[in-house]
C-alpha atoms as a PDB file:
ATOM      1  CA  MET A   1      -0.268   0.160  -0.170  1.00  0.00           C
ATOM      2  CA  ILE A   2       1.382   3.389  -1.053  1.00  0.00           C
ATOM      3  CA  ARG A   3       0.949   6.216   2.177  1.00  0.00           C
ATOM      4  CA  ASP A   4       2.966   9.273   0.237  1.00  0.00           C
ATOM      5  CA  LEU A   5       3.034   9.658  -3.942  1.00  0.00           C
ATOM      6  CA  ASN A   6       6.842   9.738  -3.644  1.00  0.00           C
ATOM      7  CA  GLU A   7       6.319   6.066  -3.055  1.00  0.00           C
ATOM      8  CA  LEU A   8       5.517   5.666  -6.900  1.00  0.00           C
ATOM      9  CA  THR A   9       8.583   7.207  -8.373  1.00  0.00           C
ATOM     10  CA  GLU A  10      10.490   4.576  -6.219  1.00  0.00           C
ATOM     11  CA  ARG A  11       8.035   1.774  -7.533  1.00  0.00           C
ATOM     12  CA  ALA A  12       8.952   3.024 -10.954  1.00  0.00           C
ATOM     13  CA  ARG A  13      12.628   2.811 -11.033  1.00  0.00           C
ATOM     14  CA  ARG A  14      12.681  -0.263  -9.356  1.00  0.00           C
ATOM     15  CA  GLY A  15      10.490  -1.819 -12.517  1.00  0.00           C
ATOM     16  CA  LEU A  16      11.574  -2.348 -16.162  1.00  0.00           C
ATOM     17  CA  LYS A  17      12.253   1.324 -18.037  1.00  0.00           C
ATOM     18  CA  CYS A  18       8.641   1.937 -19.713  1.00  0.00           C
ATOM     19  CA  ILE A  19       8.857   3.673 -23.074  1.00  0.00           C
ATOM     20  CA  VAL A  20       6.452   6.280 -23.186  1.00  0.00           C
ATOM     21  CA  ALA A  21       4.794   7.962 -25.796  1.00  0.00           C
ATOM     22  CA  VAL A  22       3.752  11.498 -25.773  1.00  0.00           C
ATOM     23  CA  ALA A  23       1.630  12.783 -28.179  1.00  0.00           C
ATOM     24  CA  ALA A  24       2.066  15.911 -29.382  1.00  0.00           C
ATOM     25  CA  ALA A  25       5.209  16.721 -27.713  1.00  0.00           C
ATOM     26  CA  GLU A  26       6.108  20.317 -28.160  1.00  0.00           C
ATOM     27  CA  ASP A  27       4.959  21.009 -24.757  1.00  0.00           C
ATOM     28  CA  ARG A  28       7.351  23.165 -22.144  1.00  0.00           C
ATOM     29  CA  HIS A  29       5.393  21.721 -18.516  1.00  0.00           C
ATOM     30  CA  VAL A  30       5.195  18.530 -20.617  1.00  0.00           C
ATOM     31  CA  LEU A  31       8.953  18.261 -21.472  1.00  0.00           C
ATOM     32  CA  GLU A  32       9.737  19.791 -17.890  1.00  0.00           C
ATOM     33  CA  ALA A  33       8.407  16.579 -16.705  1.00  0.00           C
ATOM     34  CA  LEU A  34       9.721  14.097 -18.706  1.00  0.00           C
ATOM     35  CA  GLN A  35      13.167  16.000 -17.884  1.00  0.00           C
ATOM     36  CA  SER A  36      12.538  14.487 -14.200  1.00  0.00           C
ATOM     37  CA  ALA A  37      11.341  11.565 -14.849  1.00  0.00           C
ATOM     38  CA  VAL A  38      14.290  10.485 -17.502  1.00  0.00           C
ATOM     39  CA  ARG A  39      16.660  11.676 -14.824  1.00  0.00           C
ATOM     40  CA  GLN A  40      15.024   9.801 -12.239  1.00  0.00           C
ATOM     41  CA  LYS A  41      15.211   6.768 -14.819  1.00  0.00           C
ATOM     42  CA  ILE A  42      11.095   6.265 -14.572  1.00  0.00           C
ATOM     43  CA  VAL A  43      10.583   6.294 -18.478  1.00  0.00           C
ATOM     44  CA  HIS A  44      12.502   6.335 -21.849  1.00  0.00           C
ATOM     45  CA  PRO A  45      10.425   9.246 -23.578  1.00  0.00           C
ATOM     46  CA  LEU A  46       9.438   8.758 -27.087  1.00  0.00           C
ATOM     47  CA  LEU A  47       8.522  11.922 -28.870  1.00  0.00           C
ATOM     48  CA  VAL A  48       6.087  13.018 -31.318  1.00  0.00           C
ATOM     49  CA  GLY A  49       5.176  16.429 -32.573  1.00  0.00           C
ATOM     50  CA  SER A  50       7.329  19.335 -34.326  1.00  0.00           C
ATOM     51  CA  LYS A  51      10.911  18.299 -33.932  1.00  0.00           C
ATOM     52  CA  SER A  52      12.386  21.653 -34.117  1.00  0.00           C
ATOM     53  CA  GLU A  53       9.763  22.813 -31.558  1.00  0.00           C
ATOM     54  CA  ILE A  54      10.538  20.129 -29.428  1.00  0.00           C
ATOM     55  CA  GLU A  55      14.578  20.497 -29.487  1.00  0.00           C
ATOM     56  CA  ASN A  56      13.956  24.520 -29.238  1.00  0.00           C
ATOM     57  CA  ILE A  57      11.770  23.658 -26.004  1.00  0.00           C
ATOM     58  CA  ALA A  58      14.432  21.669 -24.707  1.00  0.00           C
ATOM     59  CA  GLN A  59      17.563  23.396 -25.347  1.00  0.00           C
ATOM     60  CA  SER A  60      15.904  26.458 -23.018  1.00  0.00           C
ATOM     61  CA  ILE A  61      14.982  24.225 -20.080  1.00  0.00           C
ATOM     62  CA  GLY A  62      18.461  21.732 -20.619  1.00  0.00           C
ATOM     63  CA  PHE A  63      17.214  18.728 -21.593  1.00  0.00           C
ATOM     64  CA  ASP A  64      19.453  16.417 -23.253  1.00  0.00           C
ATOM     65  CA  LEU A  65      17.428  15.036 -26.252  1.00  0.00           C
ATOM     66  CA  GLU A  66      20.701  12.376 -26.568  1.00  0.00           C
ATOM     67  CA  GLY A  67      19.363   9.065 -27.711  1.00  0.00           C
ATOM     68  CA  ILE A  68      15.537  10.087 -27.476  1.00  0.00           C
ATOM     69  CA  GLU A  69      13.381   9.276 -30.632  1.00  0.00           C
ATOM     70  CA  ILE A  70      11.868  12.113 -32.477  1.00  0.00           C
ATOM     71  CA  VAL A  71       9.089  11.643 -34.696  1.00  0.00           C
ATOM     72  CA  ASP A  72       8.964  14.938 -36.649  1.00  0.00           C
ATOM     73  CA  HIS A  73       5.261  15.805 -37.567  1.00  0.00           C
ATOM     74  CA  ASP A  74       3.635  19.403 -38.376  1.00  0.00           C
ATOM     75  CA  GLY A  75       0.947  18.586 -38.728  1.00  0.00           C
ATOM     76  CA  ASP A  76      -2.246  19.085 -35.814  1.00  0.00           C
ATOM     77  CA  GLY A  77      -2.181  17.655 -32.550  1.00  0.00           C
ATOM     78  CA  ALA A  78      -4.976  14.697 -34.234  1.00  0.00           C
ATOM     79  CA  ALA A  79      -2.581  13.585 -36.753  1.00  0.00           C
ATOM     80  CA  SER A  80       0.745  13.587 -33.576  1.00  0.00           C
ATOM     81  CA  ALA A  81      -2.309  11.485 -31.923  1.00  0.00           C
ATOM     82  CA  ARG A  82      -2.557   9.147 -33.629  1.00  0.00           C
ATOM     83  CA  ILE A  83       1.154   8.298 -34.133  1.00  0.00           C
ATOM     84  CA  ALA A  84       1.642   7.901 -30.775  1.00  0.00           C
ATOM     85  CA  VAL A  85      -1.016   5.286 -30.487  1.00  0.00           C
ATOM     86  CA  SER A  86       0.055   3.211 -32.937  1.00  0.00           C
ATOM     87  CA  LYS A  87       3.567   2.991 -31.437  1.00  0.00           C
ATOM     88  CA  ILE A  88       1.057   1.781 -28.411  1.00  0.00           C
ATOM     89  CA  ARG A  89      -0.173  -0.797 -30.818  1.00  0.00           C
ATOM     90  CA  ARG A  90       3.078  -2.049 -32.658  1.00  0.00           C
ATOM     91  CA  ARG A  91       4.539  -2.415 -28.987  1.00  0.00           C
ATOM     92  CA  GLU A  92       7.283   0.193 -29.321  1.00  0.00           C
ATOM     93  CA  ALA A  93       6.143   2.253 -26.307  1.00  0.00           C
ATOM     94  CA  ASP A  94       4.459   0.810 -22.852  1.00  0.00           C
ATOM     95  CA  ILE A  95       2.069   3.661 -22.019  1.00  0.00           C
ATOM     96  CA  LEU A  96       0.732   6.973 -23.680  1.00  0.00           C
ATOM     97  CA  MET A  97       0.957  11.085 -22.326  1.00  0.00           C
ATOM     98  CA  LYS A  98      -0.533  13.968 -23.704  1.00  0.00           C
ATOM     99  CA  GLY A  99       0.989  16.554 -24.955  1.00  0.00           C
ATOM    100  CA  ARG A 100       0.105  19.662 -26.442  1.00  0.00           C
ATOM    101  CA  VAL A 101      -3.220  17.962 -28.164  1.00  0.00           C
ATOM    102  CA  ALA A 102      -6.811  18.654 -27.373  1.00  0.00           C
ATOM    103  CA  THR A 103      -8.174  15.964 -25.028  1.00  0.00           C
ATOM    104  CA  GLY A 104     -11.110  14.845 -27.604  1.00  0.00           C
ATOM    105  CA  ASP A 105      -8.227  14.401 -30.006  1.00  0.00           C
ATOM    106  CA  LEU A 106      -6.568  12.128 -28.716  1.00  0.00           C
ATOM    107  CA  LEU A 107      -9.395  10.376 -26.899  1.00  0.00           C
ATOM    108  CA  LYS A 108     -10.466   9.983 -30.518  1.00  0.00           C
ATOM    109  CA  ALA A 109      -7.492   8.479 -31.314  1.00  0.00           C
ATOM    110  CA  ILE A 110      -7.495   5.816 -28.743  1.00  0.00           C
ATOM    111  CA  LEU A 111     -10.858   4.812 -29.272  1.00  0.00           C
ATOM    112  CA  ASP A 112     -10.647   4.437 -32.334  1.00  0.00           C
ATOM    113  CA  ARG A 113     -11.878   0.660 -33.443  1.00  0.00           C
ATOM    114  CA  GLU A 114      -9.522   0.226 -35.738  1.00  0.00           C
ATOM    115  CA  GLU A 115      -6.257   1.581 -34.912  1.00  0.00           C
ATOM    116  CA  GLY A 116      -7.115   2.265 -31.277  1.00  0.00           C
ATOM    117  CA  LEU A 117      -5.892   1.752 -27.861  1.00  0.00           C
ATOM    118  CA  ARG A 118     -10.174  -0.096 -27.128  1.00  0.00           C
ATOM    119  CA  THR A 119     -11.004  -2.376 -24.752  1.00  0.00           C
ATOM    120  CA  GLU A 120     -14.292  -3.730 -23.223  1.00  0.00           C
ATOM    121  CA  HIS A 121     -14.116  -1.264 -20.347  1.00  0.00           C
ATOM    122  CA  LEU A 122     -15.260   2.167 -20.071  1.00  0.00           C
ATOM    123  CA  LEU A 123     -12.806   4.902 -19.993  1.00  0.00           C
ATOM    124  CA  SER A 124     -12.230   6.538 -16.778  1.00  0.00           C
ATOM    125  CA  HIS A 125      -9.735   9.220 -14.799  1.00  0.00           C
ATOM    126  CA  VAL A 126      -8.175   7.937 -11.813  1.00  0.00           C
ATOM    127  CA  ALA A 127      -6.502  10.720  -9.422  1.00  0.00           C
ATOM    128  CA  PHE A 128      -4.319   9.799  -6.200  1.00  0.00           C
ATOM    129  CA  PHE A 129      -4.144  13.036  -4.405  1.00  0.00           C
ATOM    130  CA  GLN A 130      -1.933  13.340  -1.275  1.00  0.00           C
ATOM    131  CA  SER A 131      -3.254  15.277   0.977  1.00  0.00           C
ATOM    132  CA  PRO A 132      -1.858  17.292   3.971  1.00  0.00           C
ATOM    133  CA  TYR A 133      -5.164  16.977   5.713  1.00  0.00           C
ATOM    134  CA  TYR A 134      -6.151  13.690   4.905  1.00  0.00           C
ATOM    135  CA  HIS A 135      -4.063  10.240   6.655  1.00  0.00           C
ATOM    136  CA  LYS A 136      -3.617   8.196   3.841  1.00  0.00           C
ATOM    137  CA  VAL A 137      -3.892   8.573  -0.493  1.00  0.00           C
ATOM    138  CA  LEU A 138      -7.133   9.411  -1.758  1.00  0.00           C
ATOM    139  CA  CYS A 139      -8.429   8.091  -5.177  1.00  0.00           C
ATOM    140  CA  VAL A 140     -10.776  10.507  -6.814  1.00  0.00           C
ATOM    141  CA  THR A 141     -12.947   9.402  -9.486  1.00  0.00           C
ATOM    142  CA  ASP A 142     -14.159  10.719 -12.313  1.00  0.00           C
ATOM    143  CA  ALA A 143     -13.008  14.458 -12.865  1.00  0.00           C
ATOM    144  CA  ALA A 144     -12.085  14.355 -16.404  1.00  0.00           C
ATOM    145  CA  MET A 145     -13.866  11.754 -18.460  1.00  0.00           C
ATOM    146  CA  ASN A 146     -17.190  11.165 -18.189  1.00  0.00           C
ATOM    147  CA  ILE A 147     -19.907  13.755 -18.086  1.00  0.00           C
ATOM    148  CA  ALA A 148     -23.235  12.146 -16.759  1.00  0.00           C
ATOM    149  CA  PRO A 149     -22.530   8.665 -16.101  1.00  0.00           C
ATOM    150  CA  VAL A 150     -25.431   6.710 -15.888  1.00  0.00           C
ATOM    151  CA  LEU A 151     -25.524   3.693 -13.085  1.00  0.00           C
ATOM    152  CA  GLU A 152     -23.945   1.427 -15.428  1.00  0.00           C
ATOM    153  CA  GLU A 153     -21.416   3.214 -16.019  1.00  0.00           C
ATOM    154  CA  LYS A 154     -20.280   4.545 -12.493  1.00  0.00           C
ATOM    155  CA  VAL A 155     -20.077   0.041 -11.814  1.00  0.00           C
ATOM    156  CA  GLN A 156     -17.043   0.364 -14.215  1.00  0.00           C
ATOM    157  CA  ILE A 157     -15.758   3.991 -13.122  1.00  0.00           C
ATOM    158  CA  ILE A 158     -15.335   1.618 -10.083  1.00  0.00           C
ATOM    159  CA  HIS A 159     -13.956  -0.999 -11.246  1.00  0.00           C
ATOM    160  CA  ASN A 160     -11.296   0.712 -12.940  1.00  0.00           C
ATOM    161  CA  ALA A 161     -10.039   2.956  -9.988  1.00  0.00           C
ATOM    162  CA  VAL A 162     -11.020  -0.583  -7.392  1.00  0.00           C
ATOM    163  CA  ASN A 163      -8.443  -1.903 -10.350  1.00  0.00           C
ATOM    164  CA  ALA A 164      -6.017   0.500  -9.941  1.00  0.00           C
ATOM    165  CA  CYS A 165      -6.022   0.679  -5.973  1.00  0.00           C
ATOM    166  CA  HIS A 166      -5.075  -2.866  -6.591  1.00  0.00           C
ATOM    167  CA  ARG A 167      -1.984  -2.475  -8.357  1.00  0.00           C
ATOM    168  CA  LEU A 168      -0.682  -0.221  -5.865  1.00  0.00           C
ATOM    169  CA  GLY A 169      -1.602  -3.150  -2.914  1.00  0.00           C
ATOM    170  CA  ILE A 170      -4.771  -1.732  -1.717  1.00  0.00           C
ATOM    171  CA  GLU A 171      -6.418  -4.898  -1.253  1.00  0.00           C
ATOM    172  CA  ARG A 172      -9.581  -4.320  -0.260  1.00  0.00           C
ATOM    173  CA  PRO A 173     -10.574  -0.409  -1.008  1.00  0.00           C
ATOM    174  CA  LYS A 174     -13.064   1.557   1.202  1.00  0.00           C
ATOM    175  CA  VAL A 175     -15.625   3.321  -2.047  1.00  0.00           C
ATOM    176  CA  ALA A 176     -17.482   6.574  -0.634  1.00  0.00           C
ATOM    177  CA  VAL A 177     -20.200   7.256  -3.347  1.00  0.00           C
ATOM    178  CA  ALA A 178     -20.539  11.048  -3.098  1.00  0.00           C
ATOM    179  CA  ALA A 179     -23.067  13.042  -2.691  1.00  0.00           C
ATOM    180  CA  ALA A 180     -24.852  15.975  -0.989  1.00  0.00           C
ATOM    181  CA  VAL A 181     -26.910  14.657   1.438  1.00  0.00           C
ATOM    182  CA  GLU A 182     -26.493  10.880   3.306  1.00  0.00           C
ATOM    183  CA  LYS A 183     -30.242   9.734   2.658  1.00  0.00           C
ATOM    184  CA  VAL A 184     -31.657   8.568  -0.299  1.00  0.00           C
ATOM    185  CA  ASN A 185     -33.796  11.261  -1.815  1.00  0.00           C
ATOM    186  CA  PRO A 186     -35.803  10.247  -5.254  1.00  0.00           C
ATOM    187  CA  LYS A 187     -34.968  14.029  -6.961  1.00  0.00           C
ATOM    188  CA  MET A 188     -31.643  13.650  -6.453  1.00  0.00           C
ATOM    189  CA  GLU A 189     -29.970  10.875  -8.507  1.00  0.00           C
ATOM    190  CA  SER A 190     -26.899  10.567  -7.327  1.00  0.00           C
ATOM    191  CA  THR A 191     -27.942   9.262  -3.751  1.00  0.00           C
ATOM    192  CA  VAL A 192     -30.335   6.477  -5.588  1.00  0.00           C
ATOM    193  CA  HIS A 193     -27.510   5.441  -7.596  1.00  0.00           C
ATOM    194  CA  ALA A 194     -25.173   5.627  -4.368  1.00  0.00           C
ATOM    195  CA  ALA A 195     -27.747   3.041  -2.886  1.00  0.00           C
ATOM    196  CA  ARG A 196     -28.342   0.801  -5.442  1.00  0.00           C
ATOM    197  CA  LEU A 197     -23.854   0.783  -6.149  1.00  0.00           C
ATOM    198  CA  LYS A 198     -23.721  -0.527  -2.612  1.00  0.00           C
ATOM    199  CA  GLU A 199     -26.415  -3.237  -2.801  1.00  0.00           C
ATOM    200  CA  LEU A 200     -24.714  -4.401  -5.930  1.00  0.00           C
ATOM    201  CA  ASN A 201     -21.199  -4.530  -3.932  1.00  0.00           C
ATOM    202  CA  GLN A 202     -23.052  -6.523  -1.190  1.00  0.00           C
ATOM    203  CA  GLU A 203     -24.471  -8.970  -3.652  1.00  0.00           C
ATOM    204  CA  GLY A 204     -20.996  -9.655  -5.100  1.00  0.00           C
ATOM    205  CA  GLN A 205     -21.801  -7.654  -8.708  1.00  0.00           C
ATOM    206  CA  ILE A 206     -19.018  -5.033  -7.761  1.00  0.00           C
ATOM    207  CA  LYS A 207     -15.702  -6.690  -6.106  1.00  0.00           C
ATOM    208  CA  GLY A 208     -12.707  -6.447  -4.418  1.00  0.00           C
ATOM    209  CA  CYS A 209     -13.920  -3.538  -2.240  1.00  0.00           C
ATOM    210  CA  ILE A 210     -16.197  -2.017  -0.052  1.00  0.00           C
ATOM    211  CA  VAL A 211     -19.028   0.334  -1.314  1.00  0.00           C
ATOM    212  CA  GLU A 212     -21.156   2.476   1.329  1.00  0.00           C
ATOM    213  CA  GLY A 213     -23.150   5.951   0.062  1.00  0.00           C
ATOM    214  CA  PRO A 214     -24.824   7.980  -0.061  1.00  0.00           C
ATOM    215  CA  PHE A 215     -21.880   9.839   1.482  1.00  0.00           C
ATOM    216  CA  ALA A 216     -21.301  13.926   1.751  1.00  0.00           C
ATOM    217  CA  VAL A 217     -17.458  14.479   1.258  1.00  0.00           C
ATOM    218  CA  ASP A 218     -17.332  15.592   5.332  1.00  0.00           C
ATOM    219  CA  ILE A 219     -18.570  11.896   6.155  1.00  0.00           C
ATOM    220  CA  ALA A 220     -16.556  10.137   3.659  1.00  0.00           C
ATOM    221  CA  VAL A 221     -12.912  11.511   4.943  1.00  0.00           C
ATOM    222  CA  ASN A 222     -13.821  12.694   8.590  1.00  0.00           C
ATOM    223  CA  ARG A 223     -14.427  10.041  11.620  1.00  0.00           C
ATOM    224  CA  GLU A 224     -15.374  13.045  13.883  1.00  0.00           C
ATOM    225  CA  ALA A 225     -18.490  14.254  10.670  1.00  0.00           C
ATOM    226  CA  ALA A 226     -19.465  10.447  10.800  1.00  0.00           C
ATOM    227  CA  ARG A 227     -19.881  10.003  14.323  1.00  0.00           C
ATOM    228  CA  ASN A 228     -21.522  14.133  15.110  1.00  0.00           C
ATOM    229  CA  LYS A 229     -24.299  13.096  12.073  1.00  0.00           C
ATOM    230  CA  GLY A 230     -24.857   9.292  13.628  1.00  0.00           C
ATOM    231  CA  ILE A 231     -23.245   6.939  10.850  1.00  0.00           C
ATOM    232  CA  VAL A 232     -21.504   4.335  11.802  1.00  0.00           C
ATOM    233  CA  SER A 233     -19.609   2.998   8.710  1.00  0.00           C
ATOM    234  CA  GLU A 234     -16.050   1.870   7.778  1.00  0.00           C
ATOM    235  CA  VAL A 235     -15.577   3.511   4.992  1.00  0.00           C
ATOM    236  CA  ALA A 236     -16.588   6.810   6.525  1.00  0.00           C
ATOM    237  CA  GLY A 237     -13.655   9.080   7.394  1.00  0.00           C
ATOM    238  CA  ASP A 238     -11.377   6.455   6.221  1.00  0.00           C
ATOM    239  CA  CYS A 239     -12.320   6.190   2.438  1.00  0.00           C
ATOM    240  CA  ASP A 240      -9.807   5.264  -0.419  1.00  0.00           C
ATOM    241  CA  ILE A 241     -11.844   5.750  -3.289  1.00  0.00           C
ATOM    242  CA  ILE A 242     -14.708   8.781  -3.750  1.00  0.00           C
ATOM    243  CA  LEU A 243     -16.654   8.083  -6.195  1.00  0.00           C
ATOM    244  CA  ALA A 244     -17.499  11.795  -7.824  1.00  0.00           C
ATOM    245  CA  PRO A 245     -21.704  11.999  -8.848  1.00  0.00           C
ATOM    246  CA  ASP A 246     -20.803  14.011 -12.419  1.00  0.00           C
ATOM    247  CA  ILE A 247     -18.211  15.268 -14.134  1.00  0.00           C
ATOM    248  CA  GLU A 248     -18.756  18.910 -12.483  1.00  0.00           C
ATOM    249  CA  ALA A 249     -18.304  17.725  -8.867  1.00  0.00           C
ATOM    250  CA  GLY A 250     -15.006  15.641  -9.928  1.00  0.00           C
ATOM    251  CA  ASN A 251     -13.685  18.346 -11.291  1.00  0.00           C
ATOM    252  CA  MET A 252     -14.585  21.041  -8.162  1.00  0.00           C
ATOM    253  CA  PHE A 253     -13.061  18.795  -5.982  1.00  0.00           C
ATOM    254  CA  TYR A 254     -10.140  17.974  -7.827  1.00  0.00           C
ATOM    255  CA  LYS A 255      -9.316  21.756  -8.044  1.00  0.00           C
ATOM    256  CA  ALA A 256     -10.291  22.559  -4.674  1.00  0.00           C
ATOM    257  CA  LEU A 257      -7.666  19.757  -3.291  1.00  0.00           C
ATOM    258  CA  ASN A 258      -5.119  21.434  -5.780  1.00  0.00           C
ATOM    259  CA  PHE A 259      -5.310  25.282  -4.934  1.00  0.00           C
ATOM    260  CA  LEU A 260      -7.301  25.717  -1.670  1.00  0.00           C
ATOM    261  CA  GLY A 261      -5.965  22.141   0.075  1.00  0.00           C
ATOM    262  CA  GLY A 262      -2.644  22.282  -0.533  1.00  0.00           C
ATOM    263  CA  ALA A 263      -2.490  18.466  -2.258  1.00  0.00           C
ATOM    264  CA  VAL A 264      -0.139  17.166  -4.633  1.00  0.00           C
ATOM    265  CA  VAL A 265      -1.714  14.730  -7.753  1.00  0.00           C
ATOM    266  CA  ALA A 266      -0.898  11.388  -9.787  1.00  0.00           C
ATOM    267  CA  ALA A 267      -3.519  11.097 -12.565  1.00  0.00           C
ATOM    268  CA  VAL A 268      -4.220   8.744 -15.658  1.00  0.00           C
ATOM    269  CA  LEU A 269      -7.201   7.623 -17.699  1.00  0.00           C
ATOM    270  CA  MET A 270      -8.054   3.831 -16.931  1.00  0.00           C
ATOM    271  CA  GLY A 271      -9.842   1.488 -18.845  1.00  0.00           C
ATOM    272  CA  ALA A 272      -7.174   1.654 -22.474  1.00  0.00           C
ATOM    273  CA  THR A 273      -4.937  -1.238 -23.064  1.00  0.00           C
ATOM    274  CA  VAL A 274      -2.499   0.971 -21.674  1.00  0.00           C
ATOM    275  CA  PRO A 275      -2.688   3.850 -18.734  1.00  0.00           C
ATOM    276  CA  VAL A 276      -2.831   7.139 -20.316  1.00  0.00           C
ATOM    277  CA  VAL A 277      -1.347   9.861 -18.602  1.00  0.00           C
ATOM    278  CA  LEU A 278      -3.762  12.875 -18.530  1.00  0.00           C
ATOM    279  CA  THR A 279      -3.239  15.762 -16.605  1.00  0.00           C
ATOM    280  CA  SER A 280      -5.006  19.475 -16.227  1.00  0.00           C
ATOM    281  CA  ARG A 281      -2.860  22.276 -17.745  1.00  0.00           C
ATOM    282  CA  SER A 282      -2.940  23.814 -14.073  1.00  0.00           C
ATOM    283  CA  ASP A 283      -0.987  20.501 -12.851  1.00  0.00           C
ATOM    284  CA  ASP A 284       2.091  21.796 -11.582  1.00  0.00           C
ATOM    285  CA  GLU A 285       5.467  19.443 -12.547  1.00  0.00           C
ATOM    286  CA  ARG A 286       5.590  17.309  -9.578  1.00  0.00           C
ATOM    287  CA  SER A 287       2.511  16.209 -10.767  1.00  0.00           C
ATOM    288  CA  LYS A 288       2.990  15.758 -14.021  1.00  0.00           C
ATOM    289  CA  LEU A 289       5.973  13.881 -12.696  1.00  0.00           C
ATOM    290  CA  TYR A 290       4.043  11.488 -10.487  1.00  0.00           C
ATOM    291  CA  SER A 291       1.783  10.865 -13.282  1.00  0.00           C
ATOM    292  CA  ILE A 292       3.988   9.424 -15.099  1.00  0.00           C
ATOM    293  CA  ALA A 293       5.391   7.339 -12.026  1.00  0.00           C
ATOM    294  CA  LEU A 294       1.502   6.173 -11.453  1.00  0.00           C
ATOM    295  CA  ALA A 295       1.306   5.042 -15.459  1.00  0.00           C
ATOM    296  CA  VAL A 296       4.325   3.027 -15.181  1.00  0.00           C
ATOM    297  CA  CYS A 297       3.156   1.610 -11.838  1.00  0.00           C
ATOM    298  CA  LEU A 298      -0.023   0.416 -12.947  1.00  0.00           C
ATOM    299  CA  ARG A 299       1.097  -1.027 -16.925  1.00  0.00           C
END
């Protein structure tokens, strides 16, 4: 079990070095994160994009590109994404990373039925936070991919997050299904979904975890708040995963943890044939480095 995101880089260094294919790599922040990852011997980059721009940025930050393959492509980001995905399909790279390409264009390349990285699973965003105000690493899902997931999609989102936790040594993660209140209200779909997801877990249809809810976020992460509201649950105040009701709530929580909660984050897309490093443009270099290390650990 990891208790600190620094452990991700340590684990990634101990394993076989992965090749990361970067779509539209002409991005300063992405190259800075890759520079740190190379320095720590976590990955070997394969860069797709404008060679001249990549080299100019690398020179400005002191990133030595000797021995690093650059697939020169001066077209749009969508074409770079298709090339990077093709490198994964041909097993010339192990994980995928988003550079200066629109998320929609990257996803289109990943989800292409003939040339993409589709599986039978739903794609979902999994983010692991380390906050000074929580006693362990906390997973938040889905803050970036599925806009308004229906019940069946939430089952798959939980599956992806639980799978990631298992690979990090969290054997039976505790899942808090987030809502605004703790009682089921037919007018609040998130509470209805939470109750059904709990039932599916108890019936053995959602496996490898404990699912409880609906929980407001204070109940999910604070035992005293749970006691004050009379809630008795092994998940309350000790959750490993928070399932957001929709992308708006998830994204707000993600940004609040980063910018008000003093947290750092490691985030990937799960559900494709390989992990995909997909961070926010506002994430700092350390979070991007942790995200690369997380993808290596989840490969």
